[in-house]
Amino acid sequence: MFELLNVGLEMQKRMIDIQMQGVEAAQQMVDAAQRNVDAGLAATRAGEAGMKAMKGWMRLWGMRD
């Protein structure tokens, strides 16, 4: 009787461990997605700054923007 209970508890423990691994993997995916968003925003800001600088140079040299 106790052996059957131990087997059941061990199986339940393994299932919980597997679920926790899934949660950790999902958390890592969310973190990676957030880093990608942050990198995309930084690239957009850099692109905007570059465009602003180019317009400044064009204005300086008398070109229309």
N, C-alpha and C. Protein backbone atom coordinates (compact mmCIF):
# COMPACT_ATOMS: atom_id res chain seq x y z
N MET A 1 0.84 -1.19 0.00
CA MET A 1 0.00 0.00 0.00
C MET A 1 0.88 1.25 0.00
N PHE A 2 1.87 1.28 0.92
CA PHE A 2 2.74 2.46 0.98
C PHE A 2 3.62 2.57 -0.26
N GLU A 3 3.97 1.42 -0.82
CA GLU A 3 4.80 1.43 -2.03
C GLU A 3 4.02 2.07 -3.18
N LEU A 4 2.76 1.74 -3.30
CA LEU A 4 1.91 2.33 -4.34
C LEU A 4 1.78 3.83 -4.13
N LEU A 5 1.62 4.26 -2.89
CA LEU A 5 1.53 5.68 -2.56
C LEU A 5 2.84 6.39 -2.92
N ASN A 6 3.97 5.77 -2.61
CA ASN A 6 5.28 6.35 -2.94
C ASN A 6 5.45 6.49 -4.45
N VAL A 7 5.02 5.47 -5.20
CA VAL A 7 5.11 5.53 -6.66
C VAL A 7 4.25 6.68 -7.19
N GLY A 8 3.06 6.82 -6.66
CA GLY A 8 2.16 7.91 -7.08
C GLY A 8 2.75 9.28 -6.76
N LEU A 9 3.33 9.42 -5.58
CA LEU A 9 3.95 10.70 -5.20
C LEU A 9 5.16 11.01 -6.07
N GLU A 10 5.94 9.99 -6.38
CA GLU A 10 7.11 10.18 -7.24
C GLU A 10 6.68 10.62 -8.63
N MET A 11 5.63 10.02 -9.16
CA MET A 11 5.12 10.41 -10.48
C MET A 11 4.62 11.86 -10.46
N GLN A 12 3.92 12.20 -9.39
CA GLN A 12 3.41 13.57 -9.26
C GLN A 12 4.57 14.57 -9.18
N LYS A 13 5.61 14.20 -8.44
CA LYS A 13 6.79 15.07 -8.31
C LYS A 13 7.44 15.28 -9.68
N ARG A 14 7.56 14.20 -10.45
CA ARG A 14 8.16 14.32 -11.79
C ARG A 14 7.32 15.20 -12.70
N MET A 15 6.01 15.08 -12.62
CA MET A 15 5.13 15.91 -13.45
C MET A 15 5.28 17.39 -13.06
N ILE A 16 5.39 17.67 -11.78
CA ILE A 16 5.59 19.04 -11.32
C ILE A 16 6.92 19.57 -11.82
N ASP A 17 7.97 18.74 -11.76
CA ASP A 17 9.28 19.15 -12.27
C ASP A 17 9.22 19.48 -13.76
N ILE A 18 8.51 18.65 -14.52
CA ILE A 18 8.38 18.89 -15.96
C ILE A 18 7.62 20.19 -16.21
N GLN A 19 6.56 20.42 -15.44
CA GLN A 19 5.80 21.66 -15.60
C GLN A 19 6.66 22.88 -15.26
N MET A 20 7.48 22.76 -14.23
CA MET A 20 8.35 23.88 -13.86
C MET A 20 9.38 24.16 -14.95
N GLN A 21 9.89 23.11 -15.59
CA GLN A 21 10.81 23.30 -16.70
C GLN A 21 10.12 24.03 -17.85
N GLY A 22 8.86 23.70 -18.08
CA GLY A 22 8.09 24.40 -19.11
C GLY A 22 7.89 25.86 -18.77
N VAL A 23 7.61 26.14 -17.50
CA VAL A 23 7.44 27.52 -17.06
C VAL A 23 8.75 28.29 -17.22
N GLU A 24 9.86 27.67 -16.86
CA GLU A 24 11.16 28.33 -17.00
C GLU A 24 11.48 28.60 -18.47
N ALA A 25 11.17 27.65 -19.33
CA ALA A 25 11.41 27.84 -20.77
C ALA A 25 10.56 28.99 -21.30
N ALA A 26 9.30 29.05 -20.89
CA ALA A 26 8.42 30.13 -21.31
C ALA A 26 8.94 31.47 -20.81
N GLN A 27 9.43 31.50 -19.59
CA GLN A 27 9.97 32.73 -19.02
C GLN A 27 11.20 33.20 -19.81
N GLN A 28 12.04 32.26 -20.21
CA GLN A 28 13.21 32.61 -21.01
C GLN A 28 12.80 33.14 -22.38
N MET A 29 11.74 32.58 -22.95
CA MET A 29 11.25 33.06 -24.24
C MET A 29 10.72 34.49 -24.11
N VAL A 30 10.01 34.76 -23.03
CA VAL A 30 9.49 36.11 -22.80
C VAL A 30 10.64 37.10 -22.61
N ASP A 31 11.65 36.69 -21.86
CA ASP A 31 12.82 37.55 -21.66
C ASP A 31 13.52 37.84 -22.99
N ALA A 32 13.67 36.81 -23.82
CA ALA A 32 14.32 37.00 -25.12
C ALA A 32 13.49 37.93 -26.00
N ALA A 33 12.18 37.77 -25.97
CA ALA A 33 11.31 38.66 -26.76
C ALA A 33 11.43 40.09 -26.28
N GLN A 34 11.51 40.28 -24.96
CA GLN A 34 11.65 41.64 -24.42
C GLN A 34 12.98 42.25 -24.85
N ARG A 35 14.05 41.45 -24.86
CA ARG A 35 15.34 41.96 -25.33
C ARG A 35 15.27 42.35 -26.80
N ASN A 36 14.55 41.56 -27.60
CA ASN A 36 14.39 41.89 -29.03
C ASN A 36 13.63 43.19 -29.21
N VAL A 37 12.59 43.38 -28.40
CA VAL A 37 11.83 44.64 -28.47
C VAL A 37 12.72 45.80 -28.09
N ASP A 38 13.49 45.65 -27.02
CA ASP A 38 14.39 46.72 -26.58
C ASP A 38 15.42 47.04 -27.67
N ALA A 39 15.97 46.01 -28.30
CA ALA A 39 16.95 46.22 -29.37
C ALA A 39 16.31 46.91 -30.56
N GLY A 40 15.08 46.53 -30.88
CA GLY A 40 14.37 47.17 -31.99
C GLY A 40 14.11 48.63 -31.72
N LEU A 41 13.72 48.95 -30.49
CA LEU A 41 13.49 50.35 -30.14
C LEU A 41 14.78 51.15 -30.20
N ALA A 42 15.87 50.55 -29.74
CA ALA A 42 17.17 51.24 -29.79
C ALA A 42 17.58 51.49 -31.24
N ALA A 43 17.35 50.52 -32.11
CA ALA A 43 17.70 50.69 -33.53
C ALA A 43 16.84 51.78 -34.16
N THR A 44 15.57 51.84 -33.79
CA THR A 44 14.69 52.88 -34.32
C THR A 44 15.16 54.25 -33.88
N ARG A 45 15.52 54.36 -32.61
CA ARG A 45 16.02 55.65 -32.10
C ARG A 45 17.31 56.05 -32.80
N ALA A 46 18.20 55.09 -33.03
CA ALA A 46 19.45 55.38 -33.72
C ALA A 46 19.17 55.81 -35.16
N GLY A 47 18.23 55.16 -35.82
CA GLY A 47 17.86 55.53 -37.18
C GLY A 47 17.27 56.93 -37.24
N GLU A 48 16.44 57.26 -36.26
CA GLU A 48 15.86 58.60 -36.21
C GLU A 48 16.94 59.65 -35.98
N ALA A 49 17.88 59.34 -35.10
CA ALA A 49 18.97 60.28 -34.84
C ALA A 49 19.82 60.47 -36.09
N GLY A 50 20.08 59.39 -36.82
CA GLY A 50 20.85 59.49 -38.06
C GLY A 50 20.12 60.33 -39.10
N MET A 51 18.81 60.15 -39.20
CA MET A 51 18.03 60.93 -40.16
C MET A 51 18.04 62.41 -39.78
N LYS A 52 17.92 62.68 -38.49
CA LYS A 52 17.94 64.06 -38.02
C LYS A 52 19.30 64.70 -38.33
N ALA A 53 20.37 63.94 -38.11
CA ALA A 53 21.71 64.46 -38.40
C ALA A 53 21.88 64.72 -39.90
N MET A 54 21.36 63.80 -40.72
CA MET A 54 21.48 63.98 -42.17
C MET A 54 20.70 65.22 -42.62
N LYS A 55 19.53 65.41 -42.07
CA LYS A 55 18.73 66.60 -42.41
C LYS A 55 19.46 67.86 -41.98
N GLY A 56 20.12 67.80 -40.82
CA GLY A 56 20.90 68.95 -40.34
C GLY A 56 22.03 69.30 -41.31
N TRP A 57 22.73 68.26 -41.79
CA TRP A 57 23.80 68.49 -42.76
C TRP A 57 23.26 69.05 -44.07
N MET A 58 22.13 68.52 -44.52
CA MET A 58 21.53 69.00 -45.77
C MET A 58 21.13 70.47 -45.63
N ARG A 59 20.57 70.81 -44.49
CA ARG A 59 20.18 72.19 -44.24
C ARG A 59 21.41 73.09 -44.18
N LEU A 60 22.48 72.58 -43.56
CA LEU A 60 23.72 73.33 -43.44
C LEU A 60 24.30 73.65 -44.83
N TRP A 61 24.19 72.68 -45.75
CA TRP A 61 24.75 72.87 -47.08
C TRP A 61 23.74 73.47 -48.06
N GLY A 62 22.59 73.89 -47.55
CA GLY A 62 21.61 74.58 -48.37
C GLY A 62 20.73 73.67 -49.20
N MET A 63 20.71 72.40 -48.89
CA MET A 63 19.83 71.48 -49.62
C MET A 63 18.48 71.44 -48.91
N ARG A 64 17.47 71.12 -49.66
CA ARG A 64 16.13 71.01 -49.06
C ARG A 64 15.95 69.60 -48.50
N ASP A 65 15.20 69.51 -47.39
CA ASP A 65 14.94 68.18 -46.83
C ASP A 65 13.50 67.79 -46.95
